[in-house]
Protein backbone atom coordinates (compact mmCIF):
# COMPACT_ATOMS: atom_id res chain seq x y z
CA MET A 1 51.27 -7.39 13.12
CA LYS A 2 48.74 -6.93 15.91
CA LEU A 3 50.40 -9.59 18.06
CA PHE A 4 53.31 -7.23 18.73
CA ASN A 5 51.35 -3.97 18.85
CA TYR A 6 49.15 -4.34 21.91
CA SER A 7 48.93 -1.43 24.31
CA PHE A 8 50.29 -1.59 27.85
CA GLU A 9 46.85 -2.40 29.24
CA GLN A 10 46.28 -5.12 26.65
CA SER A 11 49.74 -6.61 27.15
CA GLN A 12 48.93 -7.35 30.79
CA SER A 13 47.13 -10.46 29.54
CA PHE A 14 50.60 -11.87 28.74
CA VAL A 15 52.92 -10.37 31.34
CA ASN A 16 52.84 -11.59 34.92
CA GLU A 17 55.26 -12.05 37.78
CA ASP A 18 56.09 -15.52 36.54
CA ILE A 19 58.01 -14.19 33.53
CA VAL A 20 59.67 -11.55 35.73
CA ASN A 21 60.92 -14.26 38.08
CA LYS A 22 62.16 -16.36 35.16
CA LEU A 23 64.15 -13.51 33.66
CA ASN A 24 65.51 -12.58 37.08
CA GLN A 25 66.85 -16.06 37.77
CA LYS A 26 70.57 -15.96 38.24
CA GLY A 27 72.54 -17.43 35.35
CA ASN A 28 76.21 -18.34 35.02
CA TRP A 29 78.84 -18.90 32.39
CA LYS A 30 77.89 -22.59 32.04
CA ARG A 31 74.97 -21.62 29.81
CA TYR A 32 77.46 -20.66 27.07
CA ILE A 33 78.96 -24.15 27.15
CA GLY A 34 75.54 -25.80 27.31
CA LEU A 35 74.17 -23.86 24.34
CA LEU A 36 77.37 -24.49 22.38
CA ILE A 37 77.07 -28.24 22.97
CA THR A 38 73.38 -28.09 21.99
CA SER A 39 74.34 -26.30 18.77
CA VAL A 40 76.91 -28.99 17.93
CA VAL A 41 74.41 -31.80 18.55
CA LEU A 42 71.80 -30.02 16.45
CA TYR A 43 74.36 -29.56 13.67
CA PHE A 44 74.85 -33.33 13.45
CA PHE A 45 71.09 -33.81 13.42
CA LEU A 46 70.86 -31.38 10.51
CA VAL A 47 73.62 -32.86 8.36
CA ALA A 48 72.43 -36.42 9.04
CA ILE A 49 68.96 -35.80 7.60
CA PRO A 50 69.89 -36.60 3.95
CA MET A 51 71.52 -39.87 5.00
CA PHE A 52 68.58 -40.71 7.24
CA ILE A 53 66.08 -40.07 4.43
CA SER A 54 68.03 -42.30 2.03
CA ARG A 55 68.26 -44.93 4.79
CA HIS A 56 72.02 -45.26 4.35
CA THR A 57 74.63 -45.77 7.04
CA VAL A 58 78.08 -44.19 7.12
CA ASP A 59 79.56 -47.40 5.64
CA GLN A 60 77.03 -47.38 2.80
CA ALA A 61 77.75 -43.73 1.96
CA PRO A 62 81.57 -43.44 2.05
CA ASN A 63 81.53 -40.14 0.15
CA TYR A 64 79.21 -38.46 2.62
CA ARG A 65 80.86 -35.61 4.51
CA TRP A 66 80.01 -34.72 8.08
CA LEU A 67 81.75 -31.36 7.65
CA GLN A 68 79.15 -29.28 5.83
CA TRP A 69 80.62 -25.79 5.80
CA PRO A 70 77.41 -23.83 5.04
CA ALA A 71 75.76 -25.42 8.09
CA ILE A 72 78.88 -24.85 10.20
CA PHE A 73 78.93 -21.17 9.26
CA LEU A 74 75.21 -20.88 10.02
CA PHE A 75 75.58 -22.23 13.55
CA LEU A 76 78.79 -20.28 14.13
CA ILE A 77 77.17 -17.00 13.11
CA MET A 78 74.13 -17.73 15.28
CA TYR A 79 76.33 -18.42 18.30
CA LEU A 80 78.49 -15.34 17.72
CA VAL A 81 75.38 -13.16 17.47
CA TYR A 82 74.21 -14.61 20.77
CA LEU A 83 77.60 -13.84 22.36
CA PHE A 84 77.48 -10.29 20.96
CA PHE A 85 74.13 -9.52 22.58
CA SER A 86 75.18 -11.27 25.78
CA ILE A 87 78.15 -8.91 26.02
CA LYS A 88 76.05 -5.92 25.02
CA TYR A 89 73.48 -6.56 27.77
CA ARG A 90 75.86 -7.92 30.39
CA ASN A 91 74.84 -5.11 32.75
CA SER A 92 71.11 -5.79 32.30
CA PRO A 93 70.35 -9.17 33.90
CA MET A 94 66.80 -9.44 32.53
CA LYS A 95 67.83 -8.62 28.96
CA LEU A 96 70.74 -11.03 29.22
CA LYS A 97 68.42 -13.85 30.28
CA PHE A 98 65.97 -12.90 27.51
CA CYS A 99 68.76 -13.30 24.93
CA THR A 100 69.42 -16.78 26.27
CA TYR A 101 65.72 -17.68 26.06
CA PHE A 102 65.56 -16.35 22.51
CA TYR A 103 68.53 -18.44 21.42
CA MET A 104 67.06 -21.51 23.14
CA VAL A 105 63.80 -21.12 21.21
CA ILE A 106 65.69 -20.89 17.91
CA LEU A 107 67.62 -24.07 18.69
CA LEU A 108 64.48 -25.84 19.90
CA SER A 109 62.60 -24.85 16.74
CA MET A 110 65.40 -26.18 14.53
CA PHE A 111 65.59 -29.37 16.58
CA THR A 112 61.81 -29.82 16.23
CA VAL A 113 61.99 -29.55 12.44
CA CYS A 114 65.05 -31.81 12.13
CA SER A 115 63.77 -34.53 14.45
CA GLY A 116 60.34 -34.33 12.86
CA ILE A 117 61.82 -34.93 9.39
CA MET A 118 63.86 -37.86 10.67
CA MET A 119 60.91 -39.47 12.39
CA MET A 120 58.61 -38.98 9.42
CA THR A 121 60.98 -40.59 6.89
CA ARG A 122 61.17 -44.07 8.41
CA ARG A 123 58.79 -45.35 5.70
CA ASN A 124 56.55 -47.32 8.00
CA MET A 125 53.12 -46.88 9.54
CA ALA A 126 54.49 -45.17 12.66
CA SER A 127 56.31 -42.55 10.57
CA ILE A 128 53.12 -41.81 8.64
CA VAL A 129 51.23 -41.24 11.88
CA ALA A 130 54.14 -39.12 13.14
CA GLY A 131 53.83 -36.91 10.07
CA VAL A 132 50.09 -36.60 10.57
CA THR A 133 50.41 -35.65 14.26
CA PHE A 134 53.18 -33.17 13.39
CA GLY A 135 50.98 -31.42 10.84
CA LEU A 136 47.89 -31.56 13.03
CA ALA A 137 49.77 -30.06 16.00
CA ILE A 138 50.92 -27.09 13.91
CA PHE A 139 47.47 -26.66 12.37
CA TYR A 140 45.80 -26.83 15.78
CA LEU A 141 48.10 -24.17 17.25
CA ILE A 142 47.62 -21.83 14.29
CA ARG A 143 43.86 -22.28 14.45
CA THR A 144 43.43 -22.10 18.24
CA VAL A 145 46.10 -19.94 19.87
CA PRO A 146 45.47 -16.60 18.06
CA ARG A 147 41.77 -16.85 18.93
CA LYS A 148 42.53 -17.59 22.58
CA MET A 149 44.97 -14.68 22.70
CA LYS A 150 42.36 -12.32 21.28
CA GLU A 151 39.78 -13.51 23.80
CA ALA A 152 42.23 -12.98 26.69
CA VAL A 153 43.06 -9.45 25.52
CA CYS A 154 39.42 -8.49 24.97
CA ASN A 155 38.32 -9.90 28.33
CA ARG A 156 41.38 -8.51 30.18
CA THR A 157 42.20 -11.98 31.50
CA GLU A 158 45.56 -13.70 31.78
CA PHE A 159 46.56 -15.79 28.77
CA SER A 160 47.67 -19.27 29.88
CA PRO A 161 49.69 -21.15 27.25
CA MET A 162 48.67 -24.61 28.42
CA SER A 163 45.01 -24.03 29.19
CA SER A 164 44.57 -22.35 25.81
CA ILE A 165 45.44 -25.58 23.99
CA LEU A 166 43.96 -28.11 26.42
CA THR A 167 40.40 -27.60 25.26
CA ASP A 168 37.74 -30.27 25.76
CA ARG A 169 38.08 -31.42 22.18
CA ILE A 170 41.81 -32.07 22.22
CA SER A 171 41.67 -33.53 25.73
CA ASP A 172 38.99 -36.00 24.62
CA GLY A 173 41.09 -36.88 21.58
CA LEU A 174 44.20 -37.60 23.65
CA ILE A 175 42.20 -39.74 26.08
CA PHE A 176 40.72 -41.65 23.14
CA LEU A 177 44.08 -42.28 21.49
CA GLY A 178 45.72 -43.34 24.75
CA GLY A 179 42.82 -45.23 26.29
CA THR A 180 41.93 -47.29 23.23
CA GLY A 181 45.55 -48.26 22.57
CA ILE A 182 45.41 -47.13 18.94
CA THR A 183 48.98 -45.86 19.02
CA ALA A 184 50.35 -48.99 20.69
CA GLY A 185 48.35 -51.16 18.30
CA LEU A 186 50.35 -49.91 15.33
CA VAL A 187 53.05 -52.46 16.07
CA LEU A 188 50.62 -55.29 15.26
CA PHE A 189 50.03 -53.97 11.74
CA ASP A 190 53.43 -52.53 10.89
CA ARG A 191 55.76 -55.38 9.97
CA SER A 192 58.69 -53.09 9.22
CA THR A 193 59.23 -52.35 12.92
CA GLY A 194 59.41 -56.03 13.79
CA SER A 195 57.63 -57.83 16.61
CA ASN A 196 60.16 -56.93 19.28
CA THR A 197 60.58 -54.54 22.19
CA ARG A 198 62.12 -51.83 20.04
CA GLY A 199 59.24 -52.07 17.58
CA GLY A 200 56.74 -51.70 20.40
CA ILE A 201 58.50 -48.63 21.80
CA ASP A 202 58.69 -47.06 18.34
CA ALA A 203 54.98 -47.65 17.77
CA VAL A 204 54.05 -46.05 21.08
CA LEU A 205 56.42 -43.07 21.20
CA MET A 206 57.39 -42.12 17.66
CA PRO A 207 53.95 -40.95 16.45
CA LEU A 208 53.69 -38.58 19.42
CA MET A 209 57.24 -37.15 19.57
CA PRO A 210 56.97 -34.56 16.74
CA ALA A 211 53.77 -33.12 18.24
CA ILE A 212 55.40 -32.97 21.70
CA PHE A 213 58.33 -30.99 20.28
CA VAL A 214 55.92 -28.61 18.53
CA PHE A 215 54.01 -27.90 21.74
CA ALA A 216 57.27 -27.46 23.71
CA THR A 217 58.46 -24.87 21.17
CA TYR A 218 55.11 -23.12 21.45
CA VAL A 219 55.31 -22.85 25.26
CA PHE A 220 58.82 -21.36 25.14
CA SER A 221 57.73 -18.96 22.39
CA ILE A 222 54.96 -17.59 24.62
CA ASP A 223 57.62 -16.78 27.23
CA LEU A 224 59.43 -14.78 24.55
CA LEU A 225 56.23 -12.89 23.75
CA ARG A 226 55.82 -12.09 27.43
CA GLY A 227 59.40 -10.89 27.62
CA TYR A 228 58.91 -8.73 24.55
CA TYR A 229 56.06 -6.80 26.19
CA LEU A 230 57.89 -6.71 29.49
CA PHE A 231 60.73 -4.80 27.82
CA LYS A 232 58.48 -2.77 25.52
CA TYR A 233 56.70 -1.32 28.56
CA SER A 234 59.61 -1.81 30.93
CA GLU A 235 59.14 1.29 33.08
CA GLU A 236 55.40 0.75 33.43
CA TYR A 237 55.89 -2.83 34.57
CA ARG A 238 58.71 -1.84 36.91
CA GLU A 239 56.35 0.49 38.72
CA GLN A 240 53.49 -2.02 38.64
CA PHE A 241 55.56 -4.82 40.20
CA GLY A 242 57.20 -2.45 42.69
CA TYR A 243 60.86 -2.86 41.71
CA SER A 244 63.50 -0.19 42.22
CA SER A 245 65.45 1.02 39.17
CA LYS A 246 68.61 -0.57 40.57
CA THR A 247 67.00 -4.00 40.98
CA TRP A 248 65.04 -3.86 37.74
CA TYR A 249 67.68 -2.60 35.33
CA GLY A 250 70.89 -3.53 37.11
CA GLU A 251 73.36 -1.36 38.99
CA LYS A 252 75.56 -0.69 35.96
CA SER A 253 72.78 -0.16 33.44
CA LYS A 254 72.18 3.03 31.51
CA GLU A 255 68.60 3.22 32.76
CA TYR A 256 69.68 3.11 36.39
CA ARG A 257 72.24 5.90 35.85
CA GLN A 258 69.57 8.00 34.15
CA SER A 259 67.25 7.52 37.12
CA LEU A 260 70.02 8.73 39.46
CA ASN A 261 70.50 11.84 37.35
CA LYS A 262 66.78 12.58 37.51
CA GLU A 263 66.82 12.32 41.29
CA THR A 264 69.68 14.81 41.59
CA ILE A 265 67.97 17.40 39.41
């Protein structure tokens, strides 16, 4: 896939000091607890989807089990894999942070799908619009982003995740939807939400939430792509950004020890 096979010169459209600073940010052990809690919350989102689709409550589905062992094993294996790589790269701060980012994107992607399914199965006008915006957001990214990436690489310019999607066309569309009150107006035609405050909030926010989650996942994924090229051409970027081997790789890293051996020869 060409996306992962750009040369060092071409990859400079994606890698900048911003991603270096992000991966160099100091982390702590609390991230393990935070990601574990996020995994647990996401698990309940996942197992609740069938009940949500059938529009049943816990009282109406007494035989429903919250302990779904296949899903539990899935999340447990994912978390153990994350811990394994965290231990493996404990002496390489940038790689350790990249593992955390990678795991976050996986969880965010799963949360996007789960929440999108829940929002789109409410069986009212707002859920229909939510499904449409969800599909349009994915279609728009697939249609637009690869072309913008190719243009950035060919022109040797920096690829900006946000500016690549905020084209005139989509900006005009968002202004139209917000300015004309089309989204808020759904509450007037959708009797299933009720003419109350909650119905108004649902009509305004629910159609937009799936698309927001899709774009958030996209932005984090671009950071992963940047990190991929940063590590693929690690030594070249270390020299370009002016970092020492000790600062770049970590004092206890294999790369730093190899650089010391080269200096003594």
